[in-house]
Amino acid sequence: NSLFKVDDAAVIHKEAYAVYSPANSKLEN
């Protein structure tokens, strides 16, 4: 509609991470 994929541009794969301290008292939560 308003945007179009640029077909010859490579997809760049990223990952999102959750980060926490294993010493946190709320680890189970």
PDB file of all heavy atoms in Angstrom:
ATOM      1  N   ASN A   1       0.836  -1.198   0.000  1.00  0.00           N
ATOM      2  CA  ASN A   1       0.000   0.000   0.000  1.00  0.00           C
ATOM      3  C   ASN A   1       0.872   1.250   0.000  1.00  0.00           C
ATOM      4  O   ASN A   1       1.151   1.813  -1.040  1.00  0.00           O
ATOM      5  CB  ASN A   1      -0.951  -0.024   1.203  1.00  0.00           C
ATOM      6  CG  ASN A   1      -1.917  -1.186   1.154  1.00  0.00           C
ATOM      7  OD1 ASN A   1      -2.576  -1.390   0.137  1.00  0.00           O
ATOM      8  ND2 ASN A   1      -2.024  -1.944   2.220  1.00  0.00           N
ATOM      9  N   SER A   2       1.327   1.652   1.172  1.00  0.00           N
ATOM     10  CA  SER A   2       2.182   2.841   1.247  1.00  0.00           C
ATOM     11  C   SER A   2       3.663   2.499   1.229  1.00  0.00           C
ATOM     12  O   SER A   2       4.501   3.371   0.978  1.00  0.00           O
ATOM     13  CB  SER A   2       1.870   3.644   2.517  1.00  0.00           C
ATOM     14  OG  SER A   2       2.034   2.845   3.680  1.00  0.00           O
ATOM     15  N   LEU A   3       3.991   1.232   1.494  1.00  0.00           N
ATOM     16  CA  LEU A   3       5.388   0.800   1.488  1.00  0.00           C
ATOM     17  C   LEU A   3       5.556  -0.436   0.624  1.00  0.00           C
ATOM     18  O   LEU A   3       4.626  -1.255   0.494  1.00  0.00           O
ATOM     19  CB  LEU A   3       5.860   0.478   2.911  1.00  0.00           C
ATOM     20  CG  LEU A   3       5.937   1.638   3.914  1.00  0.00           C
ATOM     21  CD1 LEU A   3       6.344   1.120   5.282  1.00  0.00           C
ATOM     22  CD2 LEU A   3       6.892   2.712   3.440  1.00  0.00           C
ATOM     23  N   PHE A   4       6.764  -0.577   0.064  1.00  0.00           N
ATOM     24  CA  PHE A   4       7.057  -1.701  -0.832  1.00  0.00           C
ATOM     25  C   PHE A   4       8.408  -2.297  -0.459  1.00  0.00           C
ATOM     26  O   PHE A   4       9.366  -1.565  -0.200  1.00  0.00           O
ATOM     27  CB  PHE A   4       7.066  -1.243  -2.291  1.00  0.00           C
ATOM     28  CG  PHE A   4       5.786  -0.569  -2.692  1.00  0.00           C
ATOM     29  CD1 PHE A   4       5.652   0.812  -2.589  1.00  0.00           C
ATOM     30  CD2 PHE A   4       4.718  -1.315  -3.154  1.00  0.00           C
ATOM     31  CE1 PHE A   4       4.476   1.442  -2.945  1.00  0.00           C
ATOM     32  CE2 PHE A   4       3.528  -0.698  -3.513  1.00  0.00           C
ATOM     33  CZ  PHE A   4       3.396   0.683  -3.405  1.00  0.00           C
ATOM     34  N   LYS A   5       8.452  -3.618  -0.427  1.00  0.00           N
ATOM     35  CA  LYS A   5       9.707  -4.294  -0.115  1.00  0.00           C
ATOM     36  C   LYS A   5      10.685  -4.126  -1.268  1.00  0.00           C
ATOM     37  O   LYS A   5      10.313  -4.263  -2.439  1.00  0.00           O
ATOM     38  CB  LYS A   5       9.455  -5.779   0.145  1.00  0.00           C
ATOM     39  CG  LYS A   5      10.704  -6.533   0.589  1.00  0.00           C
ATOM     40  CD  LYS A   5      10.385  -7.981   0.918  1.00  0.00           C
ATOM     41  CE  LYS A   5      11.642  -8.727   1.335  1.00  0.00           C
ATOM     42  NZ  LYS A   5      11.361 -10.147   1.648  1.00  0.00           N
ATOM     43  N   VAL A   6      11.934  -3.814  -0.933  1.00  0.00           N
ATOM     44  CA  VAL A   6      12.999  -3.716  -1.937  1.00  0.00           C
ATOM     45  C   VAL A   6      13.516  -5.133  -2.136  1.00  0.00           C
ATOM     46  O   VAL A   6      14.255  -5.677  -1.309  1.00  0.00           O
ATOM     47  CB  VAL A   6      14.108  -2.765  -1.472  1.00  0.00           C
ATOM     48  CG1 VAL A   6      15.210  -2.683  -2.527  1.00  0.00           C
ATOM     49  CG2 VAL A   6      13.541  -1.371  -1.178  1.00  0.00           C
ATOM     50  N   ASP A   7      13.135  -5.737  -3.255  1.00  0.00           N
ATOM     51  CA  ASP A   7      13.322  -7.180  -3.420  1.00  0.00           C
ATOM     52  C   ASP A   7      14.777  -7.622  -3.466  1.00  0.00           C
ATOM     53  O   ASP A   7      15.097  -8.730  -3.028  1.00  0.00           O
ATOM     54  CB  ASP A   7      12.602  -7.652  -4.692  1.00  0.00           C
ATOM     55  CG  ASP A   7      11.093  -7.585  -4.542  1.00  0.00           C
ATOM     56  OD1 ASP A   7      10.604  -7.779  -3.406  1.00  0.00           O
ATOM     57  OD2 ASP A   7      10.408  -7.324  -5.544  1.00  0.00           O
ATOM     58  N   ASP A   8      15.669  -6.789  -4.008  1.00  0.00           N
ATOM     59  CA  ASP A   8      17.052  -7.254  -4.118  1.00  0.00           C
ATOM     60  C   ASP A   8      17.901  -6.866  -2.907  1.00  0.00           C
ATOM     61  O   ASP A   8      19.116  -7.072  -2.907  1.00  0.00           O
ATOM     62  CB  ASP A   8      17.702  -6.734  -5.402  1.00  0.00           C
ATOM     63  CG  ASP A   8      17.886  -5.219  -5.410  1.00  0.00           C
ATOM     64  OD1 ASP A   8      17.166  -4.536  -4.657  1.00  0.00           O
ATOM     65  OD2 ASP A   8      18.750  -4.731  -6.167  1.00  0.00           O
ATOM     66  N   ALA A   9      17.281  -6.325  -1.874  1.00  0.00           N
ATOM     67  CA  ALA A   9      17.998  -6.017  -0.633  1.00  0.00           C
ATOM     68  C   ALA A   9      17.920  -7.225   0.301  1.00  0.00           C
ATOM     69  O   ALA A   9      16.841  -7.758   0.560  1.00  0.00           O
ATOM     70  CB  ALA A   9      17.403  -4.794   0.048  1.00  0.00           C
ATOM     71  N   ALA A  10      19.058  -7.658   0.809  1.00  0.00           N
ATOM     72  CA  ALA A  10      19.097  -8.830   1.682  1.00  0.00           C
ATOM     73  C   ALA A  10      18.355  -8.557   2.986  1.00  0.00           C
ATOM     74  O   ALA A  10      18.355  -7.434   3.503  1.00  0.00           O
ATOM     75  CB  ALA A  10      20.547  -9.205   1.986  1.00  0.00           C
ATOM     76  N   VAL A  11      17.699  -9.587   3.483  1.00  0.00           N
ATOM     77  CA  VAL A  11      17.100  -9.504   4.815  1.00  0.00           C
ATOM     78  C   VAL A  11      18.221  -9.567   5.839  1.00  0.00           C
ATOM     79  O   VAL A  11      19.119 -10.408   5.759  1.00  0.00           O
ATOM     80  CB  VAL A  11      16.108 -10.659   5.040  1.00  0.00           C
ATOM     81  CG1 VAL A  11      15.539 -10.610   6.464  1.00  0.00           C
ATOM     82  CG2 VAL A  11      14.987 -10.603   4.011  1.00  0.00           C
ATOM     83  N   ILE A  12      18.208  -8.667   6.797  1.00  0.00           N
ATOM     84  CA  ILE A  12      19.200  -8.681   7.874  1.00  0.00           C
ATOM     85  C   ILE A  12      18.514  -9.255   9.109  1.00  0.00           C
ATOM     86  O   ILE A  12      17.532  -8.704   9.600  1.00  0.00           O
ATOM     87  CB  ILE A  12      19.747  -7.271   8.165  1.00  0.00           C
ATOM     88  CG1 ILE A  12      20.458  -6.721   6.915  1.00  0.00           C
ATOM     89  CG2 ILE A  12      20.707  -7.300   9.359  1.00  0.00           C
ATOM     90  CD1 ILE A  12      21.049  -5.334   7.096  1.00  0.00           C
ATOM     91  N   HIS A  13      19.052 -10.366   9.582  1.00  0.00           N
ATOM     92  CA  HIS A  13      18.416 -11.076  10.686  1.00  0.00           C
ATOM     93  C   HIS A  13      18.996 -10.616  12.016  1.00  0.00           C
ATOM     94  O   HIS A  13      20.195 -10.674  12.248  1.00  0.00           O
ATOM     95  CB  HIS A  13      18.598 -12.585  10.521  1.00  0.00           C
ATOM     96  CG  HIS A  13      17.890 -13.134   9.314  1.00  0.00           C
ATOM     97  ND1 HIS A  13      16.554 -13.454   9.326  1.00  0.00           N
ATOM     98  CD2 HIS A  13      18.340 -13.383   8.053  1.00  0.00           C
ATOM     99  CE1 HIS A  13      16.202 -13.905   8.127  1.00  0.00           C
ATOM    100  NE2 HIS A  13      17.266 -13.868   7.335  1.00  0.00           N
ATOM    101  N   LYS A  14      18.115 -10.139  12.877  1.00  0.00           N
ATOM    102  CA  LYS A  14      18.481  -9.755  14.237  1.00  0.00           C
ATOM    103  C   LYS A  14      17.724 -10.646  15.219  1.00  0.00           C
ATOM    104  O   LYS A  14      16.729 -11.280  14.866  1.00  0.00           O
ATOM    105  CB  LYS A  14      18.102  -8.292  14.506  1.00  0.00           C
ATOM    106  CG  LYS A  14      18.970  -7.279  13.801  1.00  0.00           C
ATOM    107  CD  LYS A  14      20.353  -7.163  14.436  1.00  0.00           C
ATOM    108  CE  LYS A  14      20.263  -6.605  15.848  1.00  0.00           C
ATOM    109  NZ  LYS A  14      21.595  -6.527  16.496  1.00  0.00           N
ATOM    110  N   GLU A  15      18.212 -10.680  16.431  1.00  0.00           N
ATOM    111  CA  GLU A  15      17.516 -11.384  17.501  1.00  0.00           C
ATOM    112  C   GLU A  15      17.341 -10.432  18.672  1.00  0.00           C
ATOM    113  O   GLU A  15      18.203  -9.600  18.940  1.00  0.00           O
ATOM    114  CB  GLU A  15      18.308 -12.622  17.974  1.00  0.00           C
ATOM    115  CG  GLU A  15      18.435 -13.722  16.938  1.00  0.00           C
ATOM    116  CD  GLU A  15      19.495 -13.421  15.884  1.00  0.00           C
ATOM    117  OE1 GLU A  15      20.482 -12.735  16.230  1.00  0.00           O
ATOM    118  OE2 GLU A  15      19.321 -13.842  14.740  1.00  0.00           O
ATOM    119  N   ALA A  16      16.228 -10.559  19.348  1.00  0.00           N
ATOM    120  CA  ALA A  16      15.995  -9.790  20.573  1.00  0.00           C
ATOM    121  C   ALA A  16      16.248 -10.707  21.763  1.00  0.00           C
ATOM    122  O   ALA A  16      15.904 -11.899  21.734  1.00  0.00           O
ATOM    123  CB  ALA A  16      14.579  -9.244  20.603  1.00  0.00           C
ATOM    124  N   TYR A  17      16.856 -10.145  22.800  1.00  0.00           N
ATOM    125  CA  TYR A  17      17.238 -10.924  23.975  1.00  0.00           C
ATOM    126  C   TYR A  17      16.605 -10.356  25.237  1.00  0.00           C
ATOM    127  O   TYR A  17      16.504  -9.131  25.401  1.00  0.00           O
ATOM    128  CB  TYR A  17      18.758 -10.917  24.157  1.00  0.00           C
ATOM    129  CG  TYR A  17      19.516 -11.606  23.049  1.00  0.00           C
ATOM    130  CD1 TYR A  17      19.840 -10.929  21.873  1.00  0.00           C
ATOM    131  CD2 TYR A  17      19.906 -12.935  23.175  1.00  0.00           C
ATOM    132  CE1 TYR A  17      20.533 -11.554  20.857  1.00  0.00           C
ATOM    133  CE2 TYR A  17      20.613 -13.569  22.149  1.00  0.00           C
ATOM    134  CZ  TYR A  17      20.915 -12.879  20.998  1.00  0.00           C
ATOM    135  OH  TYR A  17      21.599 -13.497  19.983  1.00  0.00           O
ATOM    136  N   ALA A  18      16.195 -11.260  26.116  1.00  0.00           N
ATOM    137  CA  ALA A  18      15.828 -10.878  27.474  1.00  0.00           C
ATOM    138  C   ALA A  18      17.075 -11.001  28.333  1.00  0.00           C
ATOM    139  O   ALA A  18      17.832 -11.974  28.216  1.00  0.00           O
ATOM    140  CB  ALA A  18      14.730 -11.788  28.007  1.00  0.00           C
ATOM    141  N   VAL A  19      17.297 -10.010  29.186  1.00  0.00           N
ATOM    142  CA  VAL A  19      18.492  -9.989  30.030  1.00  0.00           C
ATOM    143  C   VAL A  19      18.064  -9.806  31.479  1.00  0.00           C
ATOM    144  O   VAL A  19      17.212  -8.959  31.783  1.00  0.00           O
ATOM    145  CB  VAL A  19      19.438  -8.839  29.621  1.00  0.00           C
ATOM    146  CG1 VAL A  19      20.748  -8.925  30.397  1.00  0.00           C
ATOM    147  CG2 VAL A  19      19.711  -8.862  28.114  1.00  0.00           C
ATOM    148  N   TYR A  20      18.667 -10.589  32.364  1.00  0.00           N
ATOM    149  CA  TYR A  20      18.345 -10.478  33.787  1.00  0.00           C
ATOM    150  C   TYR A  20      19.507 -11.028  34.604  1.00  0.00           C
ATOM    151  O   TYR A  20      20.418 -11.695  34.080  1.00  0.00           O
ATOM    152  CB  TYR A  20      17.052 -11.234  34.112  1.00  0.00           C
ATOM    153  CG  TYR A  20      17.049 -12.692  33.717  1.00  0.00           C
ATOM    154  CD1 TYR A  20      17.483 -13.678  34.594  1.00  0.00           C
ATOM    155  CD2 TYR A  20      16.611 -13.090  32.452  1.00  0.00           C
ATOM    156  CE1 TYR A  20      17.495 -15.019  34.233  1.00  0.00           C
ATOM    157  CE2 TYR A  20      16.612 -14.419  32.075  1.00  0.00           C
ATOM    158  CZ  TYR A  20      17.046 -15.384  32.967  1.00  0.00           C
ATOM    159  OH  TYR A  20      17.066 -16.703  32.609  1.00  0.00           O
ATOM    160  N   SER A  21      19.456 -10.760  35.894  1.00  0.00           N
ATOM    161  CA  SER A  21      20.483 -11.271  36.800  1.00  0.00           C
ATOM    162  C   SER A  21      20.022 -12.587  37.402  1.00  0.00           C
ATOM    163  O   SER A  21      18.911 -12.666  37.945  1.00  0.00           O
ATOM    164  CB  SER A  21      20.758 -10.263  37.918  1.00  0.00           C
ATOM    165  OG  SER A  21      21.548 -10.857  38.938  1.00  0.00           O
ATOM    166  N   PRO A  22      20.844 -13.636  37.345  1.00  0.00           N
ATOM    167  CA  PRO A  22      20.447 -14.910  37.964  1.00  0.00           C
ATOM    168  C   PRO A  22      20.387 -14.826  39.487  1.00  0.00           C
ATOM    169  O   PRO A  22      19.837 -15.714  40.134  1.00  0.00           O
ATOM    170  CB  PRO A  22      21.545 -15.881  37.502  1.00  0.00           C
ATOM    171  CG  PRO A  22      22.722 -15.009  37.202  1.00  0.00           C
ATOM    172  CD  PRO A  22      22.162 -13.717  36.693  1.00  0.00           C
ATOM    173  N   ALA A  23      20.948 -13.732  40.052  1.00  0.00           N
ATOM    174  CA  ALA A  23      20.914 -13.551  41.504  1.00  0.00           C
ATOM    175  C   ALA A  23      19.654 -12.823  41.959  1.00  0.00           C
ATOM    176  O   ALA A  23      19.451 -12.626  43.161  1.00  0.00           O
ATOM    177  CB  ALA A  23      22.153 -12.771  41.960  1.00  0.00           C
ATOM    178  N   ASN A  24      18.797 -12.428  41.024  1.00  0.00           N
ATOM    179  CA  ASN A  24      17.584 -11.701  41.376  1.00  0.00           C
ATOM    180  C   ASN A  24      16.663 -12.584  42.221  1.00  0.00           C
ATOM    181  O   ASN A  24      16.427 -13.745  41.880  1.00  0.00           O
ATOM    182  CB  ASN A  24      16.865 -11.253  40.095  1.00  0.00           C
ATOM    183  CG  ASN A  24      15.778 -10.235  40.349  1.00  0.00           C
ATOM    184  OD1 ASN A  24      14.893 -10.433  41.163  1.00  0.00           O
ATOM    185  ND2 ASN A  24      15.842  -9.117  39.637  1.00  0.00           N
ATOM    186  N   SER A  25      16.140 -12.013  43.301  1.00  0.00           N
ATOM    187  CA  SER A  25      15.272 -12.779  44.192  1.00  0.00           C
ATOM    188  C   SER A  25      13.945 -13.160  43.528  1.00  0.00           C
ATOM    189  O   SER A  25      13.219 -14.021  44.029  1.00  0.00           O
ATOM    190  CB  SER A  25      14.993 -11.986  45.475  1.00  0.00           C
ATOM    191  OG  SER A  25      14.330 -10.771  45.177  1.00  0.00           O
ATOM    192  N   LYS A  26      13.617 -12.518  42.405  1.00  0.00           N
ATOM    193  CA  LYS A  26      12.364 -12.793  41.698  1.00  0.00           C
ATOM    194  C   LYS A  26      12.600 -13.661  40.456  1.00  0.00           C
ATOM    195  O   LYS A  26      11.859 -13.591  39.488  1.00  0.00           O
ATOM    196  CB  LYS A  26      11.688 -11.484  41.289  1.00  0.00           C
ATOM    197  CG  LYS A  26      11.476 -10.520  42.442  1.00  0.00           C
ATOM    198  CD  LYS A  26      11.123  -9.145  41.925  1.00  0.00           C
ATOM    199  CE  LYS A  26      11.199  -8.128  43.039  1.00  0.00           C
ATOM    200  NZ  LYS A  26      11.021  -6.759  42.547  1.00  0.00           N
ATOM    201  N   LEU A  27      13.632 -14.470  40.506  1.00  0.00           N
ATOM    202  CA  LEU A  27      14.041 -15.233  39.326  1.00  0.00           C
ATOM    203  C   LEU A  27      12.913 -16.098  38.778  1.00  0.00           C
ATOM    204  O   LEU A  27      12.712 -16.167  37.559  1.00  0.00           O
ATOM    205  CB  LEU A  27      15.250 -16.099  39.669  1.00  0.00           C
ATOM    206  CG  LEU A  27      15.931 -16.817  38.503  1.00  0.00           C
ATOM    207  CD1 LEU A  27      16.403 -15.818  37.457  1.00  0.00           C
ATOM    208  CD2 LEU A  27      17.102 -17.657  39.009  1.00  0.00           C
ATOM    209  N   GLU A  28      12.151 -16.744  39.647  1.00  0.00           N
ATOM    210  CA  GLU A  28      11.047 -17.599  39.179  1.00  0.00           C
ATOM    211  C   GLU A  28       9.973 -16.768  38.479  1.00  0.00           C
ATOM    212  O   GLU A  28       9.396 -17.201  37.480  1.00  0.00           O
ATOM    213  CB  GLU A  28      10.463 -18.388  40.339  1.00  0.00           C
ATOM    214  CG  GLU A  28      11.394 -19.463  40.881  1.00  0.00           C
ATOM    215  CD  GLU A  28      11.885 -20.407  39.788  1.00  0.00           C
ATOM    216  OE1 GLU A  28      11.030 -20.879  38.997  1.00  0.00           O
ATOM    217  OE2 GLU A  28      13.093 -20.665  39.717  1.00  0.00           O
ATOM    218  N   ASN A  29       9.688 -15.580  38.993  1.00  0.00           N
ATOM    219  CA  ASN A  29       8.714 -14.699  38.339  1.00  0.00           C
ATOM    220  C   ASN A  29       9.213 -14.262  36.972  1.00  0.00           C
ATOM    221  O   ASN A  29       8.438 -14.172  36.003  1.00  0.00           O
ATOM    222  CB  ASN A  29       8.459 -13.465  39.201  1.00  0.00           C
ATOM    223  CG  ASN A  29       7.860 -13.802  40.552  1.00  0.00           C
ATOM    224  OD1 ASN A  29       8.556 -13.774  41.556  1.00  0.00           O
ATOM    225  ND2 ASN A  29       6.584 -14.136  40.577  1.00  0.00           N
TER     226      ASN A  29
END
